[in-house]
Amino acid sequence: QFGNYYQPQPTYSPPARQQVPILQYSNEVNPDGSYAYSYQTGNGIAAQEQGYLKNPGQRDLEAENVQGTFSYTAPDGTPISLRYVADENGFRAEGAHLPTPPPIPEAIARSLEVIARTPQQPFQPQPQYNPFRRF
């Protein structure tokens, strides 16, 4: 009566994964809020990070400062290594694998220099004719 509508469907089972051992692990949290951690795994992944609160107790000046690194091997065998800093100036990362912007063409660079040297005039809105009084 129901035809093939309610036949059991095949299920997907992911392949069994090999467990990766943790070769080194440390985690330190201090009463002042600073911390440090690091780990290294059997498949070549390594990471470390330290952080602290800059200007504690100064409401508008408090900022978390963090710096660290991590490394691993990409699926194609390329070693990947990254250094980073995060603070009141934002997140900044460095690594040979990260793309870099192309150089700014010389004509555009000169134009930007001229713009930077030119004093800016304050904006003065000009009244315009508005016959339908639409604002």
N, C-alpha and C. Protein backbone atom coordinates (compact mmCIF):
# COMPACT_ATOMS: atom_id res chain seq x y z
N GLN A 1 0.81 -1.19 0.00
CA GLN A 1 0.00 0.00 0.00
C GLN A 1 0.86 1.27 0.00
N PHE A 2 1.99 1.29 0.76
CA PHE A 2 2.83 2.48 0.81
C PHE A 2 3.94 2.45 -0.23
N GLY A 3 4.08 1.42 -0.98
CA GLY A 3 5.11 1.35 -2.01
C GLY A 3 6.50 1.43 -1.42
N ASN A 4 7.38 2.14 -2.09
CA ASN A 4 8.77 2.28 -1.63
C ASN A 4 9.00 3.57 -0.84
N TYR A 5 7.94 4.23 -0.42
CA TYR A 5 8.10 5.52 0.26
C TYR A 5 8.75 5.40 1.63
N TYR A 6 8.56 4.31 2.31
CA TYR A 6 9.03 4.19 3.68
C TYR A 6 10.10 3.13 3.84
N GLN A 7 10.96 3.00 2.87
CA GLN A 7 12.06 2.05 2.95
C GLN A 7 13.18 2.69 3.78
N PRO A 8 13.87 1.92 4.59
CA PRO A 8 15.00 2.47 5.34
C PRO A 8 16.06 3.01 4.38
N GLN A 9 16.62 4.15 4.75
CA GLN A 9 17.64 4.78 3.93
C GLN A 9 19.02 4.40 4.46
N PRO A 10 20.00 4.34 3.57
CA PRO A 10 21.36 4.05 4.04
C PRO A 10 21.85 5.20 4.92
N THR A 11 22.67 4.88 5.89
CA THR A 11 23.21 5.90 6.78
C THR A 11 24.69 6.06 6.53
N TYR A 12 25.20 7.22 6.86
CA TYR A 12 26.62 7.52 6.69
C TYR A 12 27.33 7.30 8.02
N SER A 13 28.41 6.58 7.98
CA SER A 13 29.26 6.42 9.16
C SER A 13 30.65 6.91 8.79
N PRO A 14 31.12 7.95 9.45
CA PRO A 14 32.46 8.44 9.12
C PRO A 14 33.51 7.39 9.46
N PRO A 15 34.62 7.41 8.74
CA PRO A 15 35.66 6.44 9.05
C PRO A 15 36.20 6.65 10.46
N ALA A 16 36.63 5.58 11.07
CA ALA A 16 37.20 5.67 12.42
C ALA A 16 38.46 6.52 12.36
N ARG A 17 38.60 7.43 13.31
CA ARG A 17 39.77 8.31 13.33
C ARG A 17 40.75 7.81 14.38
N GLN A 18 42.00 7.96 14.03
CA GLN A 18 43.07 7.60 14.95
C GLN A 18 43.14 8.68 16.04
N GLN A 19 43.26 8.26 17.28
CA GLN A 19 43.40 9.22 18.37
C GLN A 19 44.79 9.82 18.33
N VAL A 20 44.86 11.12 18.52
CA VAL A 20 46.13 11.85 18.48
C VAL A 20 46.57 12.12 19.91
N PRO A 21 47.77 11.69 20.27
CA PRO A 21 48.21 11.92 21.65
C PRO A 21 48.59 13.38 21.90
N ILE A 22 48.38 13.82 23.12
CA ILE A 22 48.83 15.14 23.58
C ILE A 22 50.22 14.92 24.17
N LEU A 23 51.23 15.51 23.53
CA LEU A 23 52.61 15.32 23.98
C LEU A 23 52.99 16.28 25.10
N GLN A 24 52.45 17.47 25.07
CA GLN A 24 52.76 18.48 26.08
C GLN A 24 51.55 19.36 26.25
N TYR A 25 51.24 19.73 27.50
CA TYR A 25 50.11 20.62 27.78
C TYR A 25 50.40 21.38 29.06
N SER A 26 50.22 22.68 29.02
CA SER A 26 50.30 23.47 30.25
C SER A 26 49.26 24.58 30.17
N ASN A 27 48.71 24.92 31.32
CA ASN A 27 47.69 25.95 31.41
C ASN A 27 47.83 26.63 32.76
N GLU A 28 48.15 27.91 32.74
CA GLU A 28 48.38 28.66 33.97
C GLU A 28 47.46 29.88 33.98
N VAL A 29 46.63 30.00 35.00
CA VAL A 29 45.76 31.16 35.17
C VAL A 29 46.13 31.78 36.51
N ASN A 30 46.47 33.05 36.48
CA ASN A 30 46.94 33.74 37.67
C ASN A 30 45.83 34.60 38.29
N PRO A 31 45.94 34.89 39.60
CA PRO A 31 44.91 35.69 40.27
C PRO A 31 44.71 37.09 39.66
N ASP A 32 45.76 37.64 39.04
CA ASP A 32 45.62 38.98 38.45
C ASP A 32 44.95 38.95 37.08
N GLY A 33 44.55 37.76 36.61
CA GLY A 33 43.88 37.65 35.32
C GLY A 33 44.80 37.30 34.18
N SER A 34 46.10 37.34 34.40
CA SER A 34 47.02 36.95 33.34
C SER A 34 46.99 35.43 33.19
N TYR A 35 47.38 34.97 32.04
CA TYR A 35 47.34 33.53 31.78
C TYR A 35 48.38 33.15 30.74
N ALA A 36 48.65 31.87 30.66
CA ALA A 36 49.53 31.33 29.63
C ALA A 36 49.14 29.87 29.42
N TYR A 37 49.11 29.46 28.17
CA TYR A 37 48.89 28.04 27.89
C TYR A 37 49.73 27.63 26.70
N SER A 38 49.98 26.35 26.61
CA SER A 38 50.68 25.79 25.46
C SER A 38 50.34 24.32 25.35
N TYR A 39 50.42 23.82 24.13
CA TYR A 39 50.23 22.38 23.92
C TYR A 39 50.92 21.96 22.64
N GLN A 40 51.20 20.66 22.57
CA GLN A 40 51.79 20.05 21.38
C GLN A 40 51.16 18.68 21.23
N THR A 41 50.76 18.35 20.01
CA THR A 41 50.11 17.07 19.77
C THR A 41 51.00 16.16 18.93
N GLY A 42 50.64 14.90 18.91
CA GLY A 42 51.42 13.91 18.18
C GLY A 42 51.37 14.06 16.67
N ASN A 43 50.41 14.82 16.15
CA ASN A 43 50.35 15.01 14.70
C ASN A 43 50.97 16.33 14.26
N GLY A 44 51.76 16.96 15.13
CA GLY A 44 52.53 18.13 14.74
C GLY A 44 51.87 19.47 14.99
N ILE A 45 50.73 19.49 15.65
CA ILE A 45 50.09 20.76 15.97
C ILE A 45 50.70 21.29 17.27
N ALA A 46 51.02 22.57 17.27
CA ALA A 46 51.57 23.20 18.48
C ALA A 46 50.98 24.60 18.60
N ALA A 47 50.72 25.03 19.82
CA ALA A 47 50.19 26.37 20.06
C ALA A 47 50.65 26.85 21.42
N GLN A 48 50.78 28.15 21.55
CA GLN A 48 51.07 28.76 22.84
C GLN A 48 50.50 30.17 22.81
N GLU A 49 50.08 30.64 24.00
CA GLU A 49 49.50 31.98 24.10
C GLU A 49 49.70 32.50 25.51
N GLN A 50 49.93 33.82 25.61
CA GLN A 50 49.99 34.50 26.89
C GLN A 50 49.09 35.72 26.80
N GLY A 51 48.48 36.08 27.93
CA GLY A 51 47.64 37.26 27.94
C GLY A 51 47.61 37.90 29.30
N TYR A 52 47.34 39.20 29.31
CA TYR A 52 47.21 39.92 30.57
C TYR A 52 46.33 41.15 30.34
N LEU A 53 45.82 41.70 31.42
CA LEU A 53 45.00 42.90 31.36
C LEU A 53 45.89 44.12 31.55
N LYS A 54 45.89 44.99 30.55
CA LYS A 54 46.68 46.22 30.60
C LYS A 54 45.84 47.31 31.27
N ASN A 55 46.44 48.10 32.12
CA ASN A 55 45.77 49.19 32.85
C ASN A 55 44.57 48.71 33.66
N PRO A 56 44.74 47.69 34.51
CA PRO A 56 43.58 47.21 35.28
C PRO A 56 43.04 48.29 36.20
N GLY A 57 41.72 48.34 36.29
CA GLY A 57 41.06 49.30 37.16
C GLY A 57 40.85 50.67 36.54
N GLN A 58 41.43 50.93 35.39
CA GLN A 58 41.24 52.20 34.70
C GLN A 58 40.20 51.99 33.61
N ARG A 59 38.99 52.29 33.92
CA ARG A 59 37.82 51.90 33.13
C ARG A 59 37.99 52.11 31.62
N ASP A 60 38.36 53.29 31.18
CA ASP A 60 38.45 53.56 29.74
C ASP A 60 39.78 53.15 29.13
N LEU A 61 40.73 52.72 29.95
CA LEU A 61 42.05 52.36 29.43
C LEU A 61 42.34 50.87 29.50
N GLU A 62 41.46 50.10 30.15
CA GLU A 62 41.70 48.66 30.24
C GLU A 62 41.70 48.03 28.86
N ALA A 63 42.63 47.12 28.64
CA ALA A 63 42.69 46.40 27.37
C ALA A 63 43.35 45.05 27.60
N GLU A 64 42.78 44.03 27.02
CA GLU A 64 43.38 42.69 27.09
C GLU A 64 44.51 42.64 26.07
N ASN A 65 45.67 42.22 26.50
CA ASN A 65 46.82 42.06 25.61
C ASN A 65 47.11 40.57 25.49
N VAL A 66 47.13 40.08 24.27
CA VAL A 66 47.34 38.66 24.01
C VAL A 66 48.37 38.54 22.90
N GLN A 67 49.25 37.56 23.05
CA GLN A 67 50.16 37.23 21.95
C GLN A 67 50.37 35.73 21.95
N GLY A 68 50.59 35.18 20.78
CA GLY A 68 50.77 33.75 20.70
C GLY A 68 51.21 33.28 19.33
N THR A 69 51.37 31.98 19.23
CA THR A 69 51.75 31.34 17.97
C THR A 69 51.03 30.01 17.87
N PHE A 70 50.86 29.54 16.65
CA PHE A 70 50.46 28.16 16.44
C PHE A 70 51.03 27.68 15.13
N SER A 71 51.20 26.37 15.03
CA SER A 71 51.77 25.78 13.82
C SER A 71 51.17 24.40 13.61
N TYR A 72 51.11 24.03 12.34
CA TYR A 72 50.60 22.72 11.94
C TYR A 72 51.05 22.46 10.52
N THR A 73 50.78 21.28 10.02
CA THR A 73 51.10 20.93 8.64
C THR A 73 49.81 20.86 7.85
N ALA A 74 49.75 21.61 6.75
CA ALA A 74 48.57 21.64 5.89
C ALA A 74 48.41 20.28 5.21
N PRO A 75 47.20 19.97 4.71
CA PRO A 75 46.99 18.68 4.04
C PRO A 75 47.94 18.42 2.87
N ASP A 76 48.42 19.49 2.22
CA ASP A 76 49.35 19.30 1.10
C ASP A 76 50.80 19.17 1.57
N GLY A 77 51.03 19.16 2.89
CA GLY A 77 52.37 18.98 3.42
C GLY A 77 53.09 20.28 3.73
N THR A 78 52.48 21.41 3.46
CA THR A 78 53.11 22.71 3.72
C THR A 78 53.08 23.01 5.21
N PRO A 79 54.25 23.34 5.80
CA PRO A 79 54.23 23.74 7.22
C PRO A 79 53.62 25.14 7.35
N ILE A 80 52.70 25.29 8.26
CA ILE A 80 52.02 26.57 8.50
C ILE A 80 52.41 27.04 9.90
N SER A 81 52.84 28.28 10.00
CA SER A 81 53.20 28.85 11.28
C SER A 81 52.65 30.27 11.33
N LEU A 82 52.02 30.62 12.44
CA LEU A 82 51.38 31.92 12.56
C LEU A 82 51.73 32.54 13.91
N ARG A 83 52.06 33.82 13.89
CA ARG A 83 52.26 34.61 15.11
C ARG A 83 51.16 35.65 15.15
N TYR A 84 50.66 35.97 16.33
CA TYR A 84 49.60 36.96 16.40
C TYR A 84 49.70 37.78 17.68
N VAL A 85 49.13 38.96 17.61
CA VAL A 85 49.01 39.87 18.74
C VAL A 85 47.59 40.42 18.69
N ALA A 86 46.95 40.51 19.84
CA ALA A 86 45.64 41.15 19.94
C ALA A 86 45.69 42.08 21.14
N ASP A 87 45.41 43.34 20.90
CA ASP A 87 45.44 44.32 21.98
C ASP A 87 44.50 45.47 21.65
N GLU A 88 44.71 46.62 22.28
CA GLU A 88 43.82 47.76 22.04
C GLU A 88 43.88 48.25 20.60
N ASN A 89 44.88 47.81 19.84
CA ASN A 89 45.00 48.19 18.43
C ASN A 89 44.41 47.15 17.49
N GLY A 90 43.76 46.12 18.02
CA GLY A 90 43.14 45.10 17.18
C GLY A 90 43.96 43.83 17.10
N PHE A 91 43.57 42.97 16.16
CA PHE A 91 44.23 41.67 15.94
C PHE A 91 45.17 41.80 14.76
N ARG A 92 46.43 41.35 14.94
CA ARG A 92 47.41 41.39 13.87
C ARG A 92 48.10 40.04 13.80
N ALA A 93 48.11 39.47 12.61
CA ALA A 93 48.71 38.15 12.42
C ALA A 93 49.83 38.25 11.39
N GLU A 94 50.84 37.40 11.58
CA GLU A 94 51.96 37.31 10.65
C GLU A 94 52.21 35.85 10.34
N GLY A 95 52.44 35.56 9.08
CA GLY A 95 52.76 34.20 8.68
C GLY A 95 53.12 34.18 7.21
N ALA A 96 54.09 33.34 6.84
CA ALA A 96 54.54 33.28 5.45
C ALA A 96 53.42 32.84 4.51
N HIS A 97 52.44 32.10 5.02
CA HIS A 97 51.36 31.59 4.18
C HIS A 97 50.24 32.61 3.95
N LEU A 98 50.24 33.71 4.70
CA LEU A 98 49.17 34.70 4.57
C LEU A 98 49.38 35.55 3.32
N PRO A 99 48.31 35.86 2.61
CA PRO A 99 48.47 36.70 1.41
C PRO A 99 48.86 38.12 1.80
N THR A 100 49.59 38.76 0.91
CA THR A 100 49.98 40.15 1.13
C THR A 100 49.37 40.99 0.01
N PRO A 101 49.04 42.22 0.29
CA PRO A 101 48.44 43.06 -0.75
C PRO A 101 49.48 43.42 -1.80
N PRO A 102 49.04 43.64 -3.03
CA PRO A 102 49.99 44.06 -4.06
C PRO A 102 50.49 45.47 -3.75
N PRO A 103 51.64 45.85 -4.30
CA PRO A 103 52.14 47.20 -4.04
C PRO A 103 51.20 48.25 -4.64
N ILE A 104 51.15 49.42 -4.00
CA ILE A 104 50.32 50.51 -4.50
C ILE A 104 51.02 51.11 -5.71
N PRO A 105 50.32 51.25 -6.84
CA PRO A 105 50.95 51.87 -8.02
C PRO A 105 51.48 53.26 -7.69
N GLU A 106 52.60 53.62 -8.35
CA GLU A 106 53.29 54.86 -8.03
C GLU A 106 52.39 56.09 -8.20
N ALA A 107 51.57 56.12 -9.24
CA ALA A 107 50.70 57.28 -9.48
C ALA A 107 49.70 57.45 -8.34
N ILE A 108 49.16 56.35 -7.85
CA ILE A 108 48.20 56.42 -6.75
C ILE A 108 48.91 56.85 -5.47
N ALA A 109 50.12 56.34 -5.24
CA ALA A 109 50.88 56.72 -4.04
C ALA A 109 51.16 58.22 -4.05
N ARG A 110 51.54 58.78 -5.22
CA ARG A 110 51.79 60.23 -5.31
C ARG A 110 50.50 61.01 -5.04
N SER A 111 49.38 60.53 -5.59
CA SER A 111 48.10 61.21 -5.36
C SER A 111 47.74 61.22 -3.88
N LEU A 112 47.96 60.11 -3.20
CA LEU A 112 47.67 60.04 -1.77
C LEU A 112 48.54 61.01 -0.98
N GLU A 113 49.81 61.17 -1.40
CA GLU A 113 50.69 62.12 -0.73
C GLU A 113 50.19 63.55 -0.91
N VAL A 114 49.76 63.89 -2.13
CA VAL A 114 49.23 65.23 -2.40
C VAL A 114 47.99 65.49 -1.55
N ILE A 115 47.10 64.51 -1.49
CA ILE A 115 45.88 64.65 -0.69
C ILE A 115 46.22 64.87 0.78
N ALA A 116 47.21 64.13 1.28
CA ALA A 116 47.59 64.25 2.69
C ALA A 116 48.19 65.62 2.99
N ARG A 117 48.89 66.22 2.02
CA ARG A 117 49.51 67.53 2.24
C ARG A 117 48.54 68.69 2.04
N THR A 118 47.45 68.47 1.33
CA THR A 118 46.50 69.54 1.02
C THR A 118 45.62 69.82 2.24
N PRO A 119 45.58 71.08 2.68
CA PRO A 119 44.70 71.38 3.82
C PRO A 119 43.24 71.18 3.43
N GLN A 120 42.50 70.62 4.33
CA GLN A 120 41.09 70.34 4.07
C GLN A 120 40.25 71.56 4.42
N GLN A 121 39.34 71.91 3.53
CA GLN A 121 38.42 73.01 3.75
C GLN A 121 37.20 72.48 4.51
N PRO A 122 36.69 73.23 5.48
CA PRO A 122 35.49 72.75 6.17
C PRO A 122 34.31 72.68 5.20
N PHE A 123 33.47 71.72 5.40
CA PHE A 123 32.31 71.52 4.53
C PHE A 123 31.29 72.63 4.77
N GLN A 124 30.85 73.26 3.71
CA GLN A 124 29.82 74.29 3.77
C GLN A 124 28.65 73.85 2.91
N PRO A 125 27.56 73.39 3.50
CA PRO A 125 26.43 72.97 2.67
C PRO A 125 25.86 74.16 1.90
N GLN A 126 25.53 73.92 0.64
CA GLN A 126 24.97 74.95 -0.22
C GLN A 126 23.45 74.77 -0.30
N PRO A 127 22.69 75.84 -0.10
CA PRO A 127 21.24 75.70 -0.24
C PRO A 127 20.89 75.38 -1.69
N GLN A 128 19.92 74.53 -1.88
CA GLN A 128 19.51 74.14 -3.22
C GLN A 128 18.02 74.40 -3.38
N TYR A 129 17.65 74.69 -4.61
CA TYR A 129 16.25 74.92 -4.94
C TYR A 129 15.49 73.61 -4.79
N ASN A 130 14.37 73.64 -4.06
CA ASN A 130 13.57 72.45 -3.82
C ASN A 130 12.10 72.83 -4.01
N PRO A 131 11.62 72.83 -5.28
CA PRO A 131 10.27 73.34 -5.53
C PRO A 131 9.17 72.51 -4.88
N PHE A 132 9.39 71.24 -4.63
CA PHE A 132 8.34 70.39 -4.07
C PHE A 132 8.46 70.24 -2.56
N ARG A 133 9.42 70.92 -1.97
CA ARG A 133 9.65 70.92 -0.54
C ARG A 133 9.79 69.51 0.02
N ARG A 134 10.54 68.71 -0.69
CA ARG A 134 10.84 67.34 -0.23
C ARG A 134 12.19 67.35 0.47
N PHE A 135 12.22 66.77 1.64
CA PHE A 135 13.46 66.76 2.40
C PHE A 135 13.88 65.37 2.72
